[in-house]
Amino acid sequence: MKTVKKAFFKTLARVNKLIMPQYSKRDLNRLSKLDQALIAYRYYVTKNALDD
């Protein structure tokens, strides 16, 4: 069951990379609350997609 979850998050991470904006060059302190929430979501997905 764990591999199905990991495969789901890896696929979701790929989709996010294609359609969501990049925040690497921006000042994180000046982002809106929505942008901060998107970064938190991407972090959650990436964390779950990586191998333990």
N, C-alpha and C. Protein backbone atom coordinates (compact mmCIF):
# COMPACT_ATOMS: atom_id res chain seq x y z
N MET A 1 0.83 -1.20 0.00
CA MET A 1 0.00 0.00 0.00
C MET A 1 0.86 1.25 0.00
N LYS A 2 2.03 1.17 0.62
CA LYS A 2 2.91 2.32 0.71
C LYS A 2 3.43 2.73 -0.68
N THR A 3 3.65 1.76 -1.55
CA THR A 3 4.16 2.08 -2.89
C THR A 3 3.11 2.79 -3.73
N VAL A 4 1.84 2.48 -3.51
CA VAL A 4 0.76 3.16 -4.24
C VAL A 4 0.72 4.63 -3.83
N LYS A 5 0.85 4.88 -2.54
CA LYS A 5 0.87 6.26 -2.03
C LYS A 5 2.06 7.02 -2.59
N LYS A 6 3.23 6.39 -2.59
CA LYS A 6 4.43 7.04 -3.09
C LYS A 6 4.32 7.32 -4.58
N ALA A 7 3.76 6.39 -5.34
CA ALA A 7 3.58 6.59 -6.78
C ALA A 7 2.59 7.73 -7.04
N PHE A 8 1.55 7.81 -6.23
CA PHE A 8 0.58 8.90 -6.37
C PHE A 8 1.25 10.26 -6.15
N PHE A 9 2.04 10.37 -5.09
CA PHE A 9 2.69 11.64 -4.80
C PHE A 9 3.76 11.99 -5.83
N LYS A 10 4.44 11.00 -6.38
CA LYS A 10 5.42 11.27 -7.44
C LYS A 10 4.73 11.81 -8.69
N THR A 11 3.61 11.23 -9.04
CA THR A 11 2.84 11.72 -10.19
C THR A 11 2.32 13.13 -9.92
N LEU A 12 1.81 13.35 -8.73
CA LEU A 12 1.30 14.67 -8.36
C LEU A 12 2.42 15.71 -8.38
N ALA A 13 3.61 15.34 -7.95
CA ALA A 13 4.75 16.26 -7.97
C ALA A 13 5.12 16.64 -9.40
N ARG A 14 5.07 15.69 -10.31
CA ARG A 14 5.36 15.98 -11.72
C ARG A 14 4.34 16.95 -12.31
N VAL A 15 3.07 16.72 -12.00
CA VAL A 15 2.01 17.60 -12.49
C VAL A 15 2.19 19.00 -11.91
N ASN A 16 2.49 19.08 -10.63
CA ASN A 16 2.70 20.39 -9.99
C ASN A 16 3.85 21.14 -10.65
N LYS A 17 4.91 20.43 -10.98
CA LYS A 17 6.07 21.06 -11.59
C LYS A 17 5.72 21.68 -12.94
N LEU A 18 4.83 21.04 -13.65
CA LEU A 18 4.44 21.53 -14.98
C LEU A 18 3.49 22.72 -14.92
N ILE A 19 2.54 22.71 -13.98
CA ILE A 19 1.47 23.71 -14.05
C ILE A 19 1.57 24.81 -12.99
N MET A 20 2.32 24.59 -11.92
CA MET A 20 2.35 25.59 -10.85
C MET A 20 3.54 26.52 -11.02
N PRO A 21 3.42 27.75 -10.50
CA PRO A 21 4.50 28.73 -10.66
C PRO A 21 5.73 28.36 -9.83
N GLN A 22 6.89 28.88 -10.26
CA GLN A 22 8.15 28.69 -9.56
C GLN A 22 8.36 29.86 -8.59
N TYR A 23 8.85 29.56 -7.40
CA TYR A 23 9.06 30.60 -6.39
C TYR A 23 10.52 30.71 -5.97
N SER A 24 11.43 30.12 -6.71
CA SER A 24 12.82 30.06 -6.28
C SER A 24 13.52 31.42 -6.28
N LYS A 25 13.12 32.34 -7.12
CA LYS A 25 13.80 33.63 -7.21
C LYS A 25 13.06 34.75 -6.48
N ARG A 26 12.01 34.41 -5.78
CA ARG A 26 11.20 35.44 -5.11
C ARG A 26 11.53 35.52 -3.63
N ASP A 27 11.26 36.70 -3.07
CA ASP A 27 11.43 36.91 -1.64
C ASP A 27 10.24 36.28 -0.92
N LEU A 28 10.48 35.24 -0.16
CA LEU A 28 9.39 34.50 0.47
C LEU A 28 8.64 35.32 1.52
N ASN A 29 9.28 36.33 2.07
CA ASN A 29 8.62 37.16 3.08
C ASN A 29 7.60 38.11 2.48
N ARG A 30 7.66 38.36 1.19
CA ARG A 30 6.75 39.32 0.56
C ARG A 30 5.65 38.65 -0.25
N LEU A 31 5.49 37.35 -0.12
CA LEU A 31 4.46 36.65 -0.88
C LEU A 31 3.10 36.80 -0.21
N SER A 32 2.05 36.69 -1.01
CA SER A 32 0.70 36.73 -0.47
C SER A 32 0.42 35.43 0.29
N LYS A 33 -0.66 35.42 1.02
CA LYS A 33 -1.03 34.22 1.78
C LYS A 33 -1.33 33.05 0.84
N LEU A 34 -1.91 33.32 -0.32
CA LEU A 34 -2.18 32.26 -1.30
C LEU A 34 -0.88 31.66 -1.81
N ASP A 35 0.08 32.50 -2.13
CA ASP A 35 1.38 32.01 -2.60
C ASP A 35 2.08 31.19 -1.51
N GLN A 36 1.98 31.63 -0.28
CA GLN A 36 2.58 30.88 0.83
C GLN A 36 1.90 29.52 0.98
N ALA A 37 0.59 29.48 0.80
CA ALA A 37 -0.14 28.21 0.88
C ALA A 37 0.28 27.27 -0.26
N LEU A 38 0.51 27.82 -1.45
CA LEU A 38 0.97 27.00 -2.58
C LEU A 38 2.35 26.41 -2.31
N ILE A 39 3.22 27.19 -1.70
CA ILE A 39 4.56 26.69 -1.36
C ILE A 39 4.44 25.58 -0.32
N ALA A 40 3.57 25.75 0.67
CA ALA A 40 3.38 24.72 1.68
C ALA A 40 2.83 23.44 1.06
N TYR A 41 1.91 23.58 0.14
CA TYR A 41 1.34 22.42 -0.56
C TYR A 41 2.41 21.69 -1.37
N ARG A 42 3.22 22.45 -2.11
CA ARG A 42 4.28 21.83 -2.91
C ARG A 42 5.30 21.15 -2.01
N TYR A 43 5.60 21.73 -0.87
CA TYR A 43 6.52 21.11 0.09
C TYR A 43 5.96 19.78 0.58
N TYR A 44 4.68 19.76 0.93
CA TYR A 44 4.03 18.55 1.42
C TYR A 44 4.07 17.43 0.37
N VAL A 45 3.76 17.79 -0.88
CA VAL A 45 3.77 16.80 -1.95
C VAL A 45 5.19 16.30 -2.21
N THR A 46 6.14 17.20 -2.25
CA THR A 46 7.53 16.81 -2.50
C THR A 46 8.06 15.92 -1.38
N LYS A 47 7.75 16.28 -0.15
CA LYS A 47 8.20 15.50 1.00
C LYS A 47 7.65 14.08 0.93
N ASN A 48 6.42 13.92 0.54
CA ASN A 48 5.82 12.59 0.46
C ASN A 48 6.27 11.83 -0.79
N ALA A 49 6.72 12.52 -1.81
CA ALA A 49 7.16 11.86 -3.03
C ALA A 49 8.58 11.31 -2.91
N LEU A 50 9.39 11.90 -2.04
CA LEU A 50 10.78 11.45 -1.88
C LEU A 50 10.85 10.15 -1.13
N ASP A 51 11.89 9.38 -1.39
CA ASP A 51 12.08 8.13 -0.69
C ASP A 51 12.50 8.39 0.74
N ASP A 52 12.06 7.50 1.62
CA ASP A 52 12.41 7.64 3.04
C ASP A 52 13.79 7.12 3.33
